[in-house]
N, C-alpha and C. Protein backbone atom coordinates (compact mmCIF):
# COMPACT_ATOMS: atom_id res chain seq x y z
N MET A 1 20.81 -3.32 25.45
CA MET A 1 21.28 -3.41 24.07
C MET A 1 20.26 -4.15 23.20
N LYS A 2 19.70 -5.26 23.70
CA LYS A 2 18.72 -6.02 22.93
C LYS A 2 17.46 -5.19 22.69
N LEU A 3 17.00 -4.46 23.70
CA LEU A 3 15.82 -3.62 23.57
C LEU A 3 16.02 -2.57 22.47
N TRP A 4 17.19 -1.98 22.42
CA TRP A 4 17.53 -0.97 21.42
C TRP A 4 17.47 -1.57 20.02
N THR A 5 18.01 -2.79 19.85
CA THR A 5 18.00 -3.46 18.55
C THR A 5 16.58 -3.79 18.11
N ILE A 6 15.76 -4.26 19.03
CA ILE A 6 14.36 -4.57 18.70
C ILE A 6 13.63 -3.29 18.30
N GLY A 7 13.84 -2.21 19.04
CA GLY A 7 13.21 -0.93 18.72
C GLY A 7 13.62 -0.42 17.35
N LEU A 8 14.90 -0.56 17.03
CA LEU A 8 15.39 -0.13 15.72
C LEU A 8 14.75 -0.95 14.60
N ALA A 9 14.65 -2.27 14.79
CA ALA A 9 14.04 -3.13 13.78
C ALA A 9 12.56 -2.78 13.59
N LEU A 10 11.85 -2.55 14.68
CA LEU A 10 10.44 -2.17 14.59
C LEU A 10 10.29 -0.82 13.90
N GLY A 11 11.16 0.11 14.20
CA GLY A 11 11.11 1.43 13.56
C GLY A 11 11.36 1.33 12.07
N ALA A 12 12.31 0.51 11.65
CA ALA A 12 12.59 0.32 10.23
C ALA A 12 11.42 -0.34 9.52
N ALA A 13 10.79 -1.32 10.17
CA ALA A 13 9.63 -1.98 9.58
C ALA A 13 8.49 -1.00 9.39
N CYS A 14 8.29 -0.10 10.34
CA CYS A 14 7.22 0.89 10.23
C CYS A 14 7.49 1.86 9.09
N LEU A 15 8.74 2.23 8.87
CA LEU A 15 9.07 3.16 7.79
C LEU A 15 8.75 2.58 6.43
N VAL A 16 8.99 1.29 6.24
CA VAL A 16 8.74 0.65 4.95
C VAL A 16 7.27 0.70 4.59
N ALA A 17 6.39 0.50 5.57
CA ALA A 17 4.96 0.39 5.31
C ALA A 17 4.23 1.73 5.43
N GLN A 18 4.95 2.82 5.65
CA GLN A 18 4.31 4.11 5.86
C GLN A 18 3.73 4.67 4.57
N ALA A 19 2.57 5.25 4.71
CA ALA A 19 1.92 5.93 3.59
C ALA A 19 1.82 7.40 3.94
N GLU A 20 1.83 8.21 2.92
CA GLU A 20 1.62 9.64 3.11
C GLU A 20 0.19 9.96 2.71
N GLN A 21 -0.60 10.48 3.63
CA GLN A 21 -1.99 10.81 3.29
C GLN A 21 -2.00 12.07 2.44
N ILE A 22 -2.61 11.97 1.26
CA ILE A 22 -2.72 13.08 0.34
C ILE A 22 -3.96 13.91 0.64
N GLY A 23 -5.05 13.23 1.00
CA GLY A 23 -6.29 13.93 1.31
C GLY A 23 -7.36 12.95 1.72
N ALA A 24 -8.53 13.49 2.07
CA ALA A 24 -9.65 12.66 2.50
C ALA A 24 -10.94 13.42 2.27
N VAL A 25 -12.02 12.67 2.08
CA VAL A 25 -13.37 13.26 1.99
C VAL A 25 -14.27 12.49 2.94
N ASP A 26 -15.14 13.22 3.63
CA ASP A 26 -16.10 12.59 4.54
C ASP A 26 -17.23 11.95 3.73
N THR A 27 -17.65 10.77 4.15
CA THR A 27 -18.74 10.09 3.47
C THR A 27 -19.96 9.90 4.35
N ALA A 28 -19.80 9.94 5.67
CA ALA A 28 -20.93 9.79 6.58
C ALA A 28 -20.61 10.47 7.90
N PHE A 29 -21.53 11.29 8.36
CA PHE A 29 -21.38 11.99 9.63
C PHE A 29 -21.53 11.02 10.80
N GLN A 30 -20.69 11.18 11.80
CA GLN A 30 -20.78 10.40 13.03
C GLN A 30 -20.94 11.36 14.19
N TRP A 31 -21.92 11.11 15.08
CA TRP A 31 -22.16 11.98 16.22
C TRP A 31 -20.98 11.98 17.17
N ILE A 32 -20.39 10.82 17.37
CA ILE A 32 -19.25 10.70 18.28
C ILE A 32 -18.08 10.13 17.51
N GLY A 33 -16.94 10.78 17.59
CA GLY A 33 -15.74 10.31 16.91
C GLY A 33 -15.66 10.88 15.50
N PRO A 34 -14.61 10.52 14.79
CA PRO A 34 -14.44 11.04 13.43
C PRO A 34 -15.50 10.48 12.47
N ASP A 35 -15.75 11.22 11.39
CA ASP A 35 -16.68 10.77 10.36
C ASP A 35 -16.08 9.61 9.58
N HIS A 36 -16.93 8.80 8.93
CA HIS A 36 -16.44 7.82 7.97
C HIS A 36 -15.87 8.61 6.79
N LYS A 37 -14.85 8.10 6.14
CA LYS A 37 -14.25 8.86 5.04
C LYS A 37 -13.59 7.95 4.03
N ILE A 38 -13.23 8.54 2.92
CA ILE A 38 -12.37 7.91 1.93
C ILE A 38 -11.05 8.66 1.99
N VAL A 39 -9.96 7.92 2.18
CA VAL A 39 -8.64 8.54 2.23
C VAL A 39 -7.86 8.17 0.98
N VAL A 40 -7.02 9.09 0.56
CA VAL A 40 -6.10 8.83 -0.56
C VAL A 40 -4.70 8.94 0.00
N GLU A 41 -3.92 7.86 -0.18
CA GLU A 41 -2.56 7.80 0.35
C GLU A 41 -1.59 7.52 -0.77
N ALA A 42 -0.36 8.02 -0.60
CA ALA A 42 0.70 7.79 -1.58
C ALA A 42 1.75 6.86 -0.96
N TYR A 43 2.15 5.87 -1.72
CA TYR A 43 3.21 4.94 -1.33
C TYR A 43 4.31 5.01 -2.38
N ASP A 44 5.51 5.41 -1.99
CA ASP A 44 6.65 5.38 -2.91
C ASP A 44 7.21 3.96 -2.90
N ASP A 45 7.41 3.39 -4.08
CA ASP A 45 7.97 2.04 -4.16
C ASP A 45 9.39 2.09 -3.60
N PRO A 46 9.69 1.31 -2.56
CA PRO A 46 11.00 1.38 -1.93
C PRO A 46 12.15 0.87 -2.80
N GLU A 47 11.86 0.07 -3.82
CA GLU A 47 12.92 -0.49 -4.65
C GLU A 47 12.94 0.07 -6.07
N VAL A 48 11.98 0.94 -6.38
CA VAL A 48 11.93 1.54 -7.71
C VAL A 48 11.79 3.05 -7.53
N GLN A 49 12.89 3.79 -7.71
CA GLN A 49 12.82 5.23 -7.61
C GLN A 49 12.01 5.76 -8.79
N GLY A 50 11.17 6.76 -8.54
CA GLY A 50 10.40 7.38 -9.60
C GLY A 50 9.01 6.80 -9.79
N VAL A 51 8.59 5.85 -8.93
CA VAL A 51 7.24 5.28 -9.03
C VAL A 51 6.54 5.46 -7.68
N THR A 52 5.33 6.03 -7.74
CA THR A 52 4.49 6.20 -6.57
C THR A 52 3.13 5.58 -6.85
N CYS A 53 2.60 4.87 -5.86
CA CYS A 53 1.26 4.29 -5.97
C CYS A 53 0.31 5.11 -5.09
N PHE A 54 -0.82 5.47 -5.67
CA PHE A 54 -1.86 6.21 -4.95
C PHE A 54 -3.01 5.24 -4.70
N VAL A 55 -3.39 5.09 -3.44
CA VAL A 55 -4.43 4.15 -3.05
C VAL A 55 -5.55 4.93 -2.37
N SER A 56 -6.79 4.67 -2.81
CA SER A 56 -7.94 5.24 -2.10
C SER A 56 -8.67 4.08 -1.44
N ARG A 57 -9.13 4.34 -0.21
CA ARG A 57 -9.83 3.30 0.55
C ARG A 57 -10.72 3.93 1.60
N ALA A 58 -11.70 3.15 2.02
CA ALA A 58 -12.62 3.61 3.07
C ALA A 58 -11.94 3.52 4.43
N LYS A 59 -12.23 4.48 5.27
CA LYS A 59 -11.72 4.47 6.64
C LYS A 59 -12.91 4.70 7.57
N THR A 60 -13.13 3.74 8.45
CA THR A 60 -14.27 3.78 9.36
C THR A 60 -14.02 4.78 10.48
N GLY A 61 -15.05 5.58 10.77
CA GLY A 61 -14.96 6.57 11.84
C GLY A 61 -15.67 6.08 13.10
N GLY A 62 -16.34 7.00 13.77
CA GLY A 62 -17.04 6.67 15.01
C GLY A 62 -16.06 6.38 16.14
N LEU A 63 -16.58 5.86 17.22
CA LEU A 63 -15.74 5.55 18.38
C LEU A 63 -14.72 4.46 18.06
N LYS A 64 -15.18 3.41 17.36
CA LYS A 64 -14.25 2.32 17.02
C LYS A 64 -13.10 2.84 16.16
N GLY A 65 -13.42 3.68 15.18
CA GLY A 65 -12.39 4.25 14.32
C GLY A 65 -11.44 5.15 15.09
N ALA A 66 -11.97 5.91 16.04
CA ALA A 66 -11.14 6.82 16.83
C ALA A 66 -10.11 6.06 17.67
N PHE A 67 -10.48 4.88 18.14
CA PHE A 67 -9.57 4.11 18.99
C PHE A 67 -8.82 3.01 18.24
N GLY A 68 -8.96 2.97 16.90
CA GLY A 68 -8.24 1.96 16.12
C GLY A 68 -8.83 0.57 16.23
N LEU A 69 -10.09 0.46 16.61
CA LEU A 69 -10.72 -0.85 16.79
C LEU A 69 -11.63 -1.23 15.63
N ALA A 70 -11.86 -0.32 14.69
CA ALA A 70 -12.77 -0.58 13.58
C ALA A 70 -12.12 -1.47 12.54
N GLU A 71 -12.95 -2.21 11.82
CA GLU A 71 -12.47 -3.01 10.70
C GLU A 71 -12.88 -2.28 9.42
N ASP A 72 -11.88 -1.77 8.69
CA ASP A 72 -12.17 -1.05 7.45
C ASP A 72 -12.56 -2.02 6.35
N LYS A 73 -13.32 -1.51 5.39
CA LYS A 73 -13.77 -2.33 4.26
C LYS A 73 -12.58 -2.81 3.44
N ALA A 74 -12.78 -3.91 2.73
CA ALA A 74 -11.72 -4.53 1.95
C ALA A 74 -11.52 -3.87 0.59
N GLU A 75 -12.37 -2.92 0.23
CA GLU A 75 -12.29 -2.32 -1.10
C GLU A 75 -11.23 -1.23 -1.15
N ALA A 76 -10.48 -1.22 -2.25
CA ALA A 76 -9.47 -0.18 -2.46
C ALA A 76 -9.28 0.00 -3.95
N SER A 77 -8.81 1.17 -4.32
CA SER A 77 -8.49 1.47 -5.70
C SER A 77 -7.03 1.91 -5.75
N ILE A 78 -6.34 1.61 -6.85
CA ILE A 78 -4.92 1.92 -6.93
C ILE A 78 -4.59 2.51 -8.30
N ALA A 79 -3.69 3.47 -8.30
CA ALA A 79 -3.14 4.04 -9.53
C ALA A 79 -1.67 4.32 -9.27
N CYS A 80 -0.79 3.62 -9.97
CA CYS A 80 0.65 3.85 -9.81
C CYS A 80 1.14 4.63 -11.02
N ARG A 81 2.01 5.60 -10.78
CA ARG A 81 2.47 6.47 -11.85
C ARG A 81 3.97 6.73 -11.73
N GLN A 82 4.56 7.02 -12.88
CA GLN A 82 5.94 7.48 -12.90
C GLN A 82 5.92 8.94 -12.48
N VAL A 83 6.66 9.26 -11.41
CA VAL A 83 6.69 10.62 -10.90
C VAL A 83 8.09 11.24 -11.02
N GLY A 84 9.00 10.52 -11.63
CA GLY A 84 10.36 10.98 -11.84
C GLY A 84 11.10 9.95 -12.66
N PRO A 85 12.41 10.17 -12.87
CA PRO A 85 13.18 9.17 -13.62
C PRO A 85 13.16 7.82 -12.89
N ILE A 86 12.91 6.75 -13.63
CA ILE A 86 12.85 5.42 -13.01
C ILE A 86 14.24 4.81 -12.92
N SER A 87 14.57 4.34 -11.71
CA SER A 87 15.81 3.60 -11.49
C SER A 87 15.53 2.55 -10.43
N PHE A 88 16.41 1.56 -10.37
CA PHE A 88 16.19 0.42 -9.49
C PHE A 88 17.33 0.33 -8.49
N THR A 89 16.98 0.06 -7.21
CA THR A 89 18.00 -0.05 -6.17
C THR A 89 18.70 -1.41 -6.20
N LYS A 90 17.98 -2.42 -6.73
CA LYS A 90 18.53 -3.78 -6.82
C LYS A 90 17.64 -4.59 -7.76
N PRO A 91 18.08 -5.77 -8.18
CA PRO A 91 17.20 -6.61 -9.02
C PRO A 91 15.91 -6.95 -8.27
N LEU A 92 14.81 -6.98 -9.01
CA LEU A 92 13.49 -7.21 -8.43
C LEU A 92 13.06 -8.66 -8.59
N PRO A 93 12.37 -9.21 -7.59
CA PRO A 93 11.73 -10.51 -7.79
C PRO A 93 10.57 -10.33 -8.77
N LEU A 94 10.17 -11.39 -9.43
CA LEU A 94 9.06 -11.30 -10.39
C LEU A 94 7.74 -10.96 -9.70
N ASN A 95 7.61 -11.31 -8.43
CA ASN A 95 6.38 -11.10 -7.67
C ASN A 95 6.78 -10.78 -6.23
N ASP A 96 6.43 -9.58 -5.74
CA ASP A 96 6.92 -9.18 -4.42
C ASP A 96 5.92 -8.25 -3.74
N GLU A 97 5.60 -8.51 -2.48
CA GLU A 97 4.76 -7.59 -1.71
C GLU A 97 5.62 -6.39 -1.33
N VAL A 98 5.17 -5.20 -1.72
CA VAL A 98 5.95 -4.01 -1.43
C VAL A 98 5.38 -3.17 -0.30
N PHE A 99 4.09 -3.31 -0.01
CA PHE A 99 3.47 -2.56 1.08
C PHE A 99 2.38 -3.41 1.71
N ASN A 100 2.11 -3.16 2.98
CA ASN A 100 0.89 -3.68 3.61
C ASN A 100 0.52 -2.74 4.73
N GLU A 101 -0.78 -2.67 4.98
CA GLU A 101 -1.29 -1.79 6.02
C GLU A 101 -2.44 -2.48 6.72
N ARG A 102 -2.48 -2.37 8.03
CA ARG A 102 -3.51 -2.99 8.85
C ARG A 102 -4.86 -2.32 8.61
N LEU A 103 -5.90 -3.13 8.41
CA LEU A 103 -7.26 -2.62 8.24
C LEU A 103 -8.15 -2.94 9.44
N SER A 104 -7.68 -3.83 10.31
CA SER A 104 -8.41 -4.12 11.54
C SER A 104 -7.38 -4.37 12.62
N ILE A 105 -7.84 -4.41 13.85
CA ILE A 105 -6.91 -4.52 14.97
C ILE A 105 -6.10 -5.81 14.94
N LEU A 106 -6.66 -6.89 14.39
CA LEU A 106 -5.93 -8.15 14.45
C LEU A 106 -5.61 -8.80 13.10
N PHE A 107 -6.61 -9.03 12.27
CA PHE A 107 -6.42 -10.03 11.22
C PHE A 107 -6.49 -9.54 9.77
N LYS A 108 -6.81 -8.32 9.50
CA LYS A 108 -7.06 -7.89 8.13
C LYS A 108 -6.00 -6.90 7.68
N LYS A 109 -5.47 -7.10 6.45
CA LYS A 109 -4.45 -6.21 5.92
C LYS A 109 -4.76 -5.85 4.47
N LEU A 110 -4.42 -4.62 4.12
CA LEU A 110 -4.42 -4.19 2.72
C LEU A 110 -3.01 -4.46 2.21
N ARG A 111 -2.91 -5.11 1.07
CA ARG A 111 -1.60 -5.47 0.54
C ARG A 111 -1.42 -4.90 -0.87
N ILE A 112 -0.19 -4.53 -1.19
CA ILE A 112 0.15 -4.12 -2.55
C ILE A 112 1.32 -4.98 -3.00
N VAL A 113 1.11 -5.65 -4.13
CA VAL A 113 2.11 -6.56 -4.68
C VAL A 113 2.60 -5.99 -6.02
N ARG A 114 3.92 -6.00 -6.21
CA ARG A 114 4.50 -5.59 -7.50
C ARG A 114 4.88 -6.83 -8.28
N MET A 115 4.48 -6.87 -9.55
CA MET A 115 4.84 -7.96 -10.45
C MET A 115 5.60 -7.35 -11.63
N VAL A 116 6.58 -8.08 -12.11
CA VAL A 116 7.36 -7.61 -13.26
C VAL A 116 6.86 -8.32 -14.51
N ASP A 117 6.43 -7.54 -15.50
CA ASP A 117 6.04 -8.06 -16.81
C ASP A 117 7.24 -7.84 -17.74
N LYS A 118 8.11 -8.85 -17.82
CA LYS A 118 9.35 -8.73 -18.59
C LYS A 118 9.08 -8.50 -20.07
N LYS A 119 8.07 -9.19 -20.61
CA LYS A 119 7.77 -9.09 -22.04
C LYS A 119 7.43 -7.66 -22.45
N ARG A 120 6.69 -6.95 -21.63
CA ARG A 120 6.23 -5.60 -21.95
C ARG A 120 7.06 -4.52 -21.25
N ASN A 121 8.07 -4.92 -20.48
CA ASN A 121 8.93 -4.01 -19.72
C ASN A 121 8.07 -3.07 -18.87
N ALA A 122 7.21 -3.70 -18.05
CA ALA A 122 6.27 -2.93 -17.23
C ALA A 122 6.26 -3.47 -15.80
N LEU A 123 5.88 -2.61 -14.89
CA LEU A 123 5.67 -2.99 -13.50
C LEU A 123 4.16 -2.97 -13.25
N VAL A 124 3.64 -4.08 -12.76
CA VAL A 124 2.20 -4.22 -12.51
C VAL A 124 2.01 -4.25 -11.00
N TYR A 125 1.09 -3.41 -10.52
CA TYR A 125 0.82 -3.34 -9.08
C TYR A 125 -0.62 -3.80 -8.84
N LEU A 126 -0.78 -4.72 -7.89
CA LEU A 126 -2.07 -5.29 -7.51
C LEU A 126 -2.34 -4.95 -6.05
N THR A 127 -3.54 -4.48 -5.76
CA THR A 127 -3.92 -4.27 -4.36
C THR A 127 -5.11 -5.17 -4.04
N TYR A 128 -5.08 -5.74 -2.85
CA TYR A 128 -6.16 -6.60 -2.36
C TYR A 128 -6.07 -6.63 -0.84
N SER A 129 -7.08 -7.17 -0.21
CA SER A 129 -6.99 -7.33 1.24
C SER A 129 -7.09 -8.81 1.57
N ASP A 130 -6.48 -9.15 2.67
CA ASP A 130 -6.60 -10.53 3.13
C ASP A 130 -7.00 -10.52 4.59
N LYS A 131 -7.51 -11.64 5.00
CA LYS A 131 -7.96 -11.82 6.37
C LYS A 131 -7.47 -13.21 6.78
N LEU A 132 -7.16 -13.40 8.03
CA LEU A 132 -6.63 -14.67 8.50
C LEU A 132 -7.48 -15.85 8.05
N ILE A 133 -8.79 -15.72 8.15
CA ILE A 133 -9.68 -16.83 7.81
C ILE A 133 -10.21 -16.72 6.38
N ASP A 134 -10.71 -15.55 6.01
CA ASP A 134 -11.40 -15.40 4.73
C ASP A 134 -11.03 -14.07 4.10
N GLY A 135 -10.14 -14.09 3.11
CA GLY A 135 -9.74 -12.87 2.42
C GLY A 135 -10.83 -12.41 1.46
N SER A 136 -10.61 -11.28 0.84
CA SER A 136 -11.58 -10.73 -0.09
C SER A 136 -11.05 -10.86 -1.52
N PRO A 137 -11.90 -11.28 -2.46
CA PRO A 137 -11.47 -11.34 -3.85
C PRO A 137 -11.46 -9.96 -4.51
N GLN A 138 -11.96 -8.93 -3.81
CA GLN A 138 -11.97 -7.60 -4.40
C GLN A 138 -10.54 -7.12 -4.54
N ASN A 139 -10.23 -6.60 -5.73
CA ASN A 139 -8.86 -6.18 -6.00
C ASN A 139 -8.87 -5.08 -7.04
N ALA A 140 -7.72 -4.47 -7.22
CA ALA A 140 -7.54 -3.46 -8.26
C ALA A 140 -6.12 -3.61 -8.78
N VAL A 141 -5.93 -3.27 -10.05
CA VAL A 141 -4.62 -3.42 -10.67
C VAL A 141 -4.29 -2.18 -11.49
N THR A 142 -3.01 -1.88 -11.57
CA THR A 142 -2.51 -0.77 -12.37
C THR A 142 -1.12 -1.15 -12.87
N ALA A 143 -0.62 -0.44 -13.86
CA ALA A 143 0.70 -0.76 -14.39
C ALA A 143 1.46 0.52 -14.72
N VAL A 144 2.78 0.43 -14.64
CA VAL A 144 3.66 1.52 -15.03
C VAL A 144 4.59 0.99 -16.11
N ALA A 145 4.50 1.58 -17.29
CA ALA A 145 5.40 1.18 -18.38
C ALA A 145 6.78 1.79 -18.13
N VAL A 146 7.81 0.98 -18.31
CA VAL A 146 9.18 1.45 -18.16
C VAL A 146 9.76 1.59 -19.55
N ASP A 147 10.44 2.70 -19.80
CA ASP A 147 11.05 2.95 -21.12
C ASP A 147 11.89 1.75 -21.53
N ARG A 148 11.76 1.33 -22.79
CA ARG A 148 12.50 0.16 -23.30
C ARG A 148 14.01 0.32 -23.15
N ALA A 149 14.50 1.55 -23.09
CA ALA A 149 15.94 1.79 -22.92
C ALA A 149 16.39 1.43 -21.50
N THR A 150 15.45 1.30 -20.58
CA THR A 150 15.77 0.93 -19.19
C THR A 150 15.24 -0.47 -18.94
N ALA A 151 16.14 -1.43 -18.92
CA ALA A 151 15.72 -2.82 -18.64
C ALA A 151 15.43 -2.95 -17.15
N ILE A 152 14.39 -3.69 -16.83
CA ILE A 152 14.05 -3.95 -15.43
C ILE A 152 14.94 -5.10 -14.94
N PRO A 153 15.81 -4.85 -13.95
CA PRO A 153 16.65 -5.94 -13.47
C PRO A 153 15.82 -6.94 -12.64
N VAL A 154 15.92 -8.20 -12.99
CA VAL A 154 15.12 -9.24 -12.33
C VAL A 154 16.05 -10.23 -11.65
N LYS A 155 15.63 -10.70 -10.47
CA LYS A 155 16.39 -11.71 -9.72
C LYS A 155 16.31 -13.03 -10.43
């Protein structure tokens, strides 16, 4: 029974952080293993229906990349857009991590944080990477304006 509960919790955690790969382009040929590439992934905001974030980032190929041992670069670009009617599943915190994805086998993650700009009725999304010891200051930001007729519920 306990094993089943742990498996269910792990499965739910994986679903939250899942990205849908939209496409990729090769950037460098590798003799062994997959080529280095830039991937574009879509992340639907789990608490805001109608908003999707598109993130492009480098993905290391070669043998290390093939076995999941490569450390991907910390650089990423983000563009979040309204893709349908915007609605909220619950009140939002003013600052909340909505996605994260592993960039290396142990210590590096790509993170996407949603911030609420109450004054402008907008959702601001920031992407950056962190590392256990030394994170990267490289970041990208985008915003989605919400119609003034739809107030953003805040915690």
